[in-house]
Amino acid sequence: MSAVSTRSGAAESTGGGHAVVGTDFYPTHVSGVLSTAVASRFVPGSPRRVGTCGDGSGTMHEVTSTSGDSSTSTSANLTREETRERSRHVEVLEYRVELDLRAARDPDVETFTTRTIVEFAATTDETWLDFLGADVSRVTLNGETVEVDYDGARIRVPGLHRINAVAVEATAYYSRSGEGLHRYVDPEDGETYLYTQYEPADARRVFACFEQPDLKAGFVFDVHAPAGWVVLSNARPRSTGPERVVFERTLPISTYITAIVAGPYHSATGTWRRGDLTVPLGAYCRASLAEHFDPEDIFEITRQGLDYYHEVFDYPYPFGKYDQVFVPEYNLGAMENPGCARSPSRTSSAAPRPTTSTSAARTRSSTRWPTCGSAIS
């Protein structure tokens, strides 16, 4: 029997550029099983209660989601035995993920298109990719179109060669539960903000993948978004256009610590230097909170943290840049995705300007190099 737990975090009422493009249900690790039984408990497209969360003032909010899940089979659950077997036979080489978020501001649009090309070596004739979304429209294997065999949670891929390239074209849901690609509309100004949250096994709500942390690979993200939006990921942009950003390839990392952030975020930039190493720093919040934002305090604490970890590990910071994004309706204290950490923002633009101590505390929670560094192994 799979179990589901809830976590509480800061919540906000529901409501450019740099590199352009709910809350409480969490699967638990049960005897080594990554359980996502919650995915099968709701009717696709119907409103669902996903728990309650605090806003920092002692008030509890009920959070609901209208994004559906097509996974109604137990195949959404990944067992230790299955993932061990897959890991023995599959070595992932690279992911290329393309997301089209240009319609994200339209509240009537509940889905976005997602395309994944994953290259991998295999010593088995058959495997599967994980995906929890609206539908899968096309699958190709080594350039040949194959029959779509999708049960709502797994995409079966037979006929493998030693080296393979599988392309999956699909449709995924915007989230209101903090699982996958979360969409928030700021009641202060009506602006739309997006960010991903995957821990422990929700990258598959955004792109088809081998959703287990031991199957690491480099990722290249290609994101289409409204003109003028800030678009961030784990790596630096490789190329940018009016409505498109292609990011550099990441170091090998797990699926659940990849990240996409997109929207009209307010931004500030800085740098951290250590010897010959220069790391660009970024701090972001939504536009309605800009007057209360204190990026210099954030950067001061961040530099202190980077200095400290540089000394402790005697190893240079490996991720190229370090962005910190303060996001609404976040259901964790922080998530230290390599190069793109997230922390919860305040619930109202009327909140008082953060003091040095509170701002520093928030920054310390997201400046956790050990978590990021341990992702590469």
Protein backbone atom coordinates (compact mmCIF):
# COMPACT_ATOMS: atom_id res chain seq x y z
CA MET A 1 0.00 0.00 0.00
CA SER A 2 1.36 3.40 -0.93
CA ALA A 3 1.21 6.32 1.42
CA VAL A 4 0.73 10.01 0.86
CA SER A 5 1.83 12.75 3.22
CA THR A 6 1.26 16.49 3.30
CA ARG A 7 3.65 19.31 3.94
CA SER A 8 2.80 22.89 4.80
CA GLY A 9 4.58 25.96 3.55
CA ALA A 10 3.99 29.61 2.80
CA ALA A 11 0.96 30.13 0.60
CA GLU A 12 -0.46 33.10 -1.22
CA SER A 13 -3.86 33.96 -2.55
CA THR A 14 -4.20 32.83 -6.12
CA GLY A 15 -4.89 35.12 -8.13
CA GLY A 16 11.31 41.53 -18.55
CA GLY A 17 13.63 40.35 -19.85
CA HIS A 18 16.66 38.61 -19.09
CA ALA A 19 17.08 35.27 -20.66
CA VAL A 20 13.51 35.04 -21.93
CA VAL A 21 10.63 32.03 -21.80
CA GLY A 22 -0.56 23.76 -4.92
CA THR A 23 0.58 23.12 -2.61
CA ASP A 24 0.62 20.31 -0.19
CA PHE A 25 0.29 16.79 -1.54
CA TYR A 26 3.64 15.08 -1.53
CA PRO A 27 4.51 11.51 -2.38
CA THR A 28 6.53 9.84 0.36
CA HIS A 29 9.41 7.41 0.33
CA VAL A 30 7.83 4.23 1.67
CA SER A 31 10.31 1.42 2.23
CA GLY A 32 12.39 2.76 -0.61
CA VAL A 33 9.41 3.16 -2.94
CA LEU A 34 8.80 6.42 -4.70
CA SER A 35 5.05 6.57 -4.32
CA THR A 36 2.90 8.90 -6.37
CA ALA A 37 -0.45 7.33 -5.66
CA VAL A 38 -1.86 10.81 -5.23
CA ALA A 39 -1.76 11.13 -9.01
CA SER A 40 -4.47 8.50 -9.39
CA ARG A 41 -6.87 9.90 -6.78
CA PHE A 42 -8.44 12.69 -8.79
CA VAL A 43 -10.63 12.91 -11.88
CA PRO A 44 -8.79 14.66 -14.75
CA GLY A 45 -9.81 18.29 -15.10
CA SER A 46 -11.86 18.42 -11.91
CA PRO A 47 -11.15 20.72 -8.96
CA ARG A 48 -9.31 18.93 -6.21
CA ARG A 49 -8.47 19.80 -2.65
CA VAL A 50 -4.76 19.45 -2.09
CA GLY A 51 -4.50 20.43 1.53
CA THR A 52 -3.97 23.50 3.64
CA CYS A 53 -0.99 25.71 4.16
CA GLY A 54 -0.01 28.66 6.31
CA ASP A 55 0.73 32.15 5.07
CA GLY A 56 3.12 33.05 7.88
CA SER A 57 0.48 34.94 9.84
CA GLY A 58 -1.19 31.95 11.44
CA THR A 59 -3.98 31.85 8.84
CA MET A 60 -4.54 28.57 7.06
CA HIS A 61 -5.68 28.48 3.44
CA GLU A 62 -7.29 25.64 1.56
CA VAL A 63 -5.55 25.16 -1.77
CA THR A 64 -7.30 23.55 -4.70
CA SER A 65 -6.20 22.56 -8.15
CA THR A 66 -8.10 22.37 -11.42
CA SER A 67 -5.27 20.75 -13.33
CA GLY A 68 -6.01 17.12 -14.05
CA ASP A 69 -3.94 14.00 -14.18
CA SER A 70 -4.46 11.27 -16.71
CA SER A 71 -2.70 8.69 -14.56
CA THR A 72 -5.32 6.34 -13.18
CA SER A 73 -3.22 3.17 -13.00
CA THR A 74 -0.86 1.94 -10.35
CA SER A 75 1.98 2.25 -12.87
CA ALA A 76 2.44 5.79 -11.52
CA ASN A 77 4.17 4.15 -8.56
CA LEU A 78 7.87 3.44 -9.03
CA THR A 79 9.13 0.56 -6.93
CA ARG A 80 12.67 0.00 -5.73
CA GLU A 81 12.90 -3.26 -7.68
CA GLU A 82 11.76 -1.68 -10.94
CA THR A 83 14.08 1.29 -10.71
CA ARG A 84 17.04 -0.88 -9.73
CA GLU A 85 16.39 -3.07 -12.76
CA ARG A 86 16.07 -0.06 -15.06
CA SER A 87 19.27 1.42 -13.68
CA ARG A 88 21.14 -1.81 -14.43
CA HIS A 89 20.15 -1.66 -18.09
CA VAL A 90 19.97 2.06 -18.91
CA GLU A 91 22.65 4.75 -18.95
CA VAL A 92 21.27 8.18 -19.79
CA LEU A 93 23.52 10.33 -21.97
CA GLU A 94 21.58 13.58 -22.49
CA TYR A 95 18.16 15.21 -22.38
CA ARG A 96 16.94 17.96 -24.68
CA VAL A 97 13.66 19.39 -23.39
CA GLU A 98 11.56 21.96 -25.27
CA LEU A 99 8.62 23.68 -23.56
CA ASP A 100 6.12 26.07 -25.15
CA LEU A 101 4.78 28.40 -22.45
CA ARG A 102 3.65 31.26 -24.67
CA ALA A 103 -0.03 30.82 -23.77
CA ALA A 104 0.61 30.70 -20.01
CA ARG A 105 -1.08 34.07 -19.36
CA ASP A 106 -4.42 32.80 -20.71
CA PRO A 107 -6.37 31.36 -17.74
CA ASP A 108 -8.47 29.24 -20.10
CA VAL A 109 -5.38 27.38 -21.30
CA GLU A 110 -4.72 24.56 -18.84
CA THR A 111 -1.92 22.79 -20.72
CA PHE A 112 1.36 23.39 -22.51
CA THR A 113 3.26 21.39 -25.11
CA THR A 114 6.41 19.55 -24.13
CA ARG A 115 8.93 17.73 -26.29
CA THR A 116 11.74 15.59 -24.94
CA ILE A 117 14.61 13.92 -26.76
CA VAL A 118 16.51 11.58 -24.47
CA GLU A 119 19.63 9.77 -25.61
CA PHE A 120 20.65 6.68 -23.69
CA ALA A 121 22.56 3.41 -23.88
CA ALA A 122 20.65 0.21 -23.19
CA THR A 123 21.42 -3.44 -22.53
CA THR A 124 17.76 -4.45 -22.71
CA ASP A 125 15.23 -4.70 -25.52
CA GLU A 126 12.59 -2.62 -23.74
CA THR A 127 12.18 0.07 -21.11
CA TRP A 128 9.80 2.88 -20.23
CA LEU A 129 9.79 6.65 -19.75
CA ASP A 130 7.78 8.31 -17.00
CA PHE A 131 5.23 11.03 -17.79
CA LEU A 132 2.15 12.28 -15.92
CA GLY A 133 0.29 14.59 -18.28
CA ALA A 134 -2.71 15.18 -20.50
CA ASP A 135 -1.62 13.04 -23.44
CA VAL A 136 1.27 11.78 -25.56
CA SER A 137 0.81 12.53 -29.25
CA ARG A 138 3.95 11.10 -30.86
CA VAL A 139 6.94 8.91 -30.03
CA THR A 140 9.94 8.27 -32.24
CA LEU A 141 12.74 5.78 -31.65
CA ASN A 142 16.02 6.38 -33.47
CA GLY A 143 14.25 8.54 -36.04
CA GLU A 144 11.36 6.15 -36.70
CA THR A 145 7.80 6.85 -35.55
CA VAL A 146 6.53 4.10 -33.26
CA GLU A 147 3.15 3.30 -31.77
CA VAL A 148 2.29 5.37 -28.71
CA ASP A 149 1.96 2.94 -25.80
CA TYR A 150 1.03 5.22 -22.88
CA ASP A 151 -1.02 4.23 -19.85
CA GLY A 152 -1.20 7.67 -18.25
CA ALA A 153 2.04 7.28 -16.30
CA ARG A 154 4.49 5.26 -18.39
CA ILE A 155 5.51 5.37 -22.04
CA ARG A 156 6.60 1.89 -23.09
CA VAL A 157 9.56 1.85 -25.48
CA PRO A 158 10.34 -1.56 -27.06
CA GLY A 159 12.82 -2.40 -29.81
CA LEU A 160 15.84 -0.70 -28.26
CA HIS A 161 19.33 -0.63 -29.74
CA ARG A 162 22.61 -0.30 -27.88
CA ILE A 163 22.46 3.51 -28.31
CA ASN A 164 19.03 5.13 -28.59
CA ALA A 165 17.36 8.48 -29.12
CA VAL A 166 13.71 8.62 -28.08
CA ALA A 167 11.64 11.70 -28.83
CA VAL A 168 8.32 12.25 -27.05
CA GLU A 169 5.81 14.95 -28.01
CA ALA A 170 3.20 15.47 -25.33
CA THR A 171 0.87 17.84 -23.50
CA ALA A 172 1.31 18.62 -19.81
CA TYR A 173 -0.82 20.45 -17.25
CA TYR A 174 -0.03 23.70 -15.51
CA SER A 175 -0.13 23.02 -11.78
CA ARG A 176 -1.95 24.70 -8.89
CA SER A 177 -0.64 22.22 -6.33
CA GLY A 178 3.09 22.91 -6.37
CA GLU A 179 3.78 19.67 -8.27
CA GLY A 180 5.34 20.13 -11.68
CA LEU A 181 5.07 23.55 -13.37
CA HIS A 182 3.21 25.77 -10.92
CA ARG A 183 1.25 28.77 -12.29
CA TYR A 184 0.38 31.76 -10.13
CA VAL A 185 -1.55 34.93 -10.99
CA ASP A 186 -0.60 37.85 -8.76
CA PRO A 187 -3.79 39.53 -7.45
CA GLU A 188 -1.86 42.81 -7.10
CA ASP A 189 -1.30 43.34 -10.82
CA GLY A 190 -2.70 40.32 -12.66
CA GLU A 191 0.72 39.15 -13.83
CA THR A 192 1.40 35.43 -14.34
CA TYR A 193 4.39 33.64 -12.81
CA LEU A 194 5.66 30.11 -13.42
CA TYR A 195 8.17 27.93 -11.62
CA THR A 196 8.87 24.23 -11.34
CA GLN A 197 8.97 22.11 -8.20
CA TYR A 198 9.82 18.43 -8.66
CA GLU A 199 10.89 16.97 -5.33
CA PRO A 200 10.75 14.06 -5.06
CA ALA A 201 9.36 12.73 -8.37
CA ASP A 202 7.44 15.38 -10.32
CA ALA A 203 9.71 16.27 -13.24
CA ARG A 204 7.60 13.72 -15.12
CA ARG A 205 4.68 16.16 -14.85
CA VAL A 206 6.60 18.50 -17.18
CA PHE A 207 8.65 16.28 -19.49
CA ALA A 208 9.05 12.60 -20.25
CA CYS A 209 12.04 11.21 -18.40
CA PHE A 210 13.63 8.41 -16.41
CA GLU A 211 12.30 9.65 -13.08
CA GLN A 212 14.84 8.23 -10.65
CA PRO A 213 17.73 10.20 -9.14
CA ASP A 214 20.50 7.70 -9.93
CA LEU A 215 19.96 8.09 -13.69
CA LYS A 216 21.68 11.46 -14.06
CA ALA A 217 22.42 13.23 -17.34
CA GLY A 218 23.16 16.62 -18.82
CA PHE A 219 20.10 18.70 -19.74
CA VAL A 220 19.58 21.26 -22.50
CA PHE A 221 16.38 23.27 -21.98
CA ASP A 222 14.72 25.15 -24.84
CA VAL A 223 11.90 27.39 -23.60
CA HIS A 224 9.37 29.45 -25.57
CA ALA A 225 7.70 32.17 -23.50
CA PRO A 226 5.96 35.55 -23.89
CA ALA A 227 8.23 38.35 -25.05
CA GLY A 228 9.72 40.31 -22.18
CA TRP A 229 9.52 37.52 -19.62
CA VAL A 230 12.49 36.54 -17.51
CA VAL A 231 13.35 32.89 -18.09
CA LEU A 232 15.78 31.00 -15.87
CA SER A 233 17.09 27.46 -15.60
CA ASN A 234 20.00 25.64 -14.00
CA ALA A 235 22.50 26.81 -16.62
CA ARG A 236 23.24 30.08 -18.41
CA PRO A 237 21.45 30.98 -21.65
CA ARG A 238 23.22 29.84 -24.79
CA SER A 239 21.00 31.81 -27.16
CA THR A 240 18.04 34.15 -26.72
CA GLY A 241 15.32 35.54 -28.95
CA PRO A 242 12.14 37.57 -28.51
CA GLU A 243 10.17 34.51 -27.35
CA ARG A 244 12.77 31.80 -26.95
CA VAL A 245 15.74 30.89 -24.76
CA VAL A 246 18.03 27.91 -25.24
CA PHE A 247 20.20 27.15 -22.22
CA GLU A 248 23.65 25.65 -22.06
CA ARG A 249 23.99 21.99 -21.22
CA THR A 250 24.04 21.29 -17.50
CA LEU A 251 26.44 19.06 -15.68
CA PRO A 252 25.01 15.57 -15.06
CA ILE A 253 22.16 16.01 -12.55
CA SER A 254 19.02 14.18 -11.47
CA THR A 255 15.67 14.98 -13.07
CA TYR A 256 14.11 16.28 -9.84
CA ILE A 257 16.67 19.08 -9.38
CA THR A 258 16.29 20.57 -12.84
CA ALA A 259 14.46 23.90 -12.84
CA ILE A 260 12.51 26.33 -15.01
CA VAL A 261 11.35 29.76 -13.83
CA ALA A 262 9.45 32.12 -16.14
CA GLY A 263 7.50 35.35 -15.77
CA PRO A 264 7.84 39.12 -15.46
CA TYR A 265 10.10 38.76 -12.42
CA HIS A 266 11.85 41.79 -10.94
CA SER A 267 15.60 41.15 -10.99
CA ALA A 268 18.88 42.28 -9.50
CA THR A 269 22.36 41.06 -10.37
CA GLY A 270 25.73 40.83 -8.67
CA THR A 271 28.91 38.76 -8.73
CA TRP A 272 31.03 36.62 -6.45
CA ARG A 273 34.76 36.34 -7.08
CA ARG A 274 37.28 33.94 -5.70
CA GLY A 275 40.71 33.92 -7.32
CA ASP A 276 40.21 33.44 -11.05
CA LEU A 277 36.61 32.31 -10.56
CA THR A 278 33.76 34.80 -11.18
CA VAL A 279 30.18 33.64 -10.56
CA PRO A 280 27.22 35.82 -11.66
CA LEU A 281 24.57 36.18 -8.95
CA GLY A 282 20.89 36.85 -9.53
CA ALA A 283 18.02 37.64 -7.16
CA TYR A 284 14.42 37.65 -8.33
CA CYS A 285 10.94 38.33 -6.97
CA ARG A 286 7.63 39.15 -8.58
CA ALA A 287 7.18 42.73 -9.71
CA SER A 288 4.62 43.70 -7.06
CA LEU A 289 7.20 43.00 -4.33
CA ALA A 290 10.04 44.98 -5.92
CA GLU A 291 9.83 47.94 -3.51
CA HIS A 292 10.27 45.58 -0.55
CA PHE A 293 13.14 43.60 -2.07
CA ASP A 294 16.64 43.90 -0.59
CA PRO A 295 19.00 42.23 -3.08
CA GLU A 296 22.19 43.71 -1.64
CA ASP A 297 21.55 42.04 1.69
CA ILE A 298 20.82 38.78 -0.16
CA PHE A 299 24.06 39.06 -2.14
CA GLU A 300 26.10 39.84 0.97
CA ILE A 301 24.95 36.68 2.73
CA THR A 302 25.28 34.66 -0.47
CA ARG A 303 28.89 35.72 -0.94
CA GLN A 304 29.64 34.79 2.67
CA GLY A 305 28.11 31.36 2.09
CA LEU A 306 30.05 30.78 -1.13
CA ASP A 307 33.27 31.83 0.60
CA TYR A 308 32.58 29.41 3.41
CA TYR A 309 31.81 26.42 1.20
CA HIS A 310 34.77 27.17 -1.05
CA GLU A 311 37.01 26.81 1.99
CA VAL A 312 35.23 23.77 3.43
CA PHE A 313 35.15 21.74 0.21
CA ASP A 314 38.38 23.08 -1.30
CA TYR A 315 36.61 22.81 -4.65
CA PRO A 316 35.45 25.61 -6.96
CA TYR A 317 31.73 26.31 -7.32
CA PRO A 318 30.79 24.15 -10.35
CA PHE A 319 27.47 25.49 -11.65
CA GLY A 320 28.49 28.62 -13.54
CA LYS A 321 25.97 31.05 -11.98
CA TYR A 322 23.85 31.28 -8.85
CA ASP A 323 20.28 32.58 -9.09
CA GLN A 324 17.88 32.85 -6.15
CA VAL A 325 14.19 33.25 -6.92
CA PHE A 326 11.60 34.14 -4.27
CA VAL A 327 8.39 32.57 -5.53
CA PRO A 328 4.73 32.64 -4.45
CA GLU A 329 2.82 29.67 -3.01
CA TYR A 330 5.99 27.70 -2.46
CA ASN A 331 5.48 24.55 -0.43
CA LEU A 332 9.00 24.08 0.90
CA GLY A 333 11.37 26.16 2.99
CA ALA A 334 13.68 26.25 -0.02
CA MET A 335 14.86 24.05 -2.88
CA GLU A 336 18.52 24.23 -3.80
CA ASN A 337 18.37 23.38 -7.49
CA PRO A 338 21.88 23.77 -8.93
CA GLY A 339 22.29 27.31 -10.26
CA CYS A 340 18.64 28.23 -9.61
CA ALA A 341 17.56 28.04 -5.96
CA ARG A 342 14.00 28.88 -4.91
CA SER A 343 12.59 30.19 -1.64
CA PRO A 344 9.06 31.31 -0.68
CA SER A 345 8.18 34.98 -1.01
CA ARG A 346 5.88 36.95 1.28
CA THR A 347 2.14 36.74 0.75
CA SER A 348 1.46 40.40 0.11
CA SER A 349 3.21 43.31 -1.52
CA ALA A 350 2.07 45.30 1.53
CA ALA A 351 4.41 43.30 3.75
CA PRO A 352 7.04 45.32 5.60
CA ARG A 353 10.50 45.64 4.18
CA PRO A 354 12.50 42.62 5.38
CA THR A 355 15.07 43.30 8.05
CA THR A 356 18.65 42.20 7.69
CA SER A 357 18.06 39.26 9.99
CA THR A 358 14.97 37.93 8.19
CA SER A 359 16.45 38.48 4.76
CA ALA A 360 19.67 36.79 5.82
CA ALA A 361 17.74 33.84 7.21
CA ARG A 362 15.91 33.39 3.94
CA THR A 363 19.13 33.61 2.00
CA ARG A 364 20.91 31.12 4.24
CA SER A 365 18.12 28.66 3.61
CA SER A 366 18.78 28.80 -0.13
CA THR A 367 22.56 29.15 -0.13
CA ARG A 368 23.28 25.48 0.41
CA TRP A 369 26.14 24.46 -1.76
CA PRO A 370 26.44 20.97 -0.20
CA THR A 371 22.99 20.03 -1.54
CA CYS A 372 23.86 21.26 -5.02
CA GLY A 373 27.33 19.77 -5.01
CA SER A 374 26.11 16.36 -3.94
CA ALA A 375 23.92 16.19 -7.05
CA ILE A 376 26.97 15.39 -9.15
CA SER A 377 28.25 11.92 -8.51
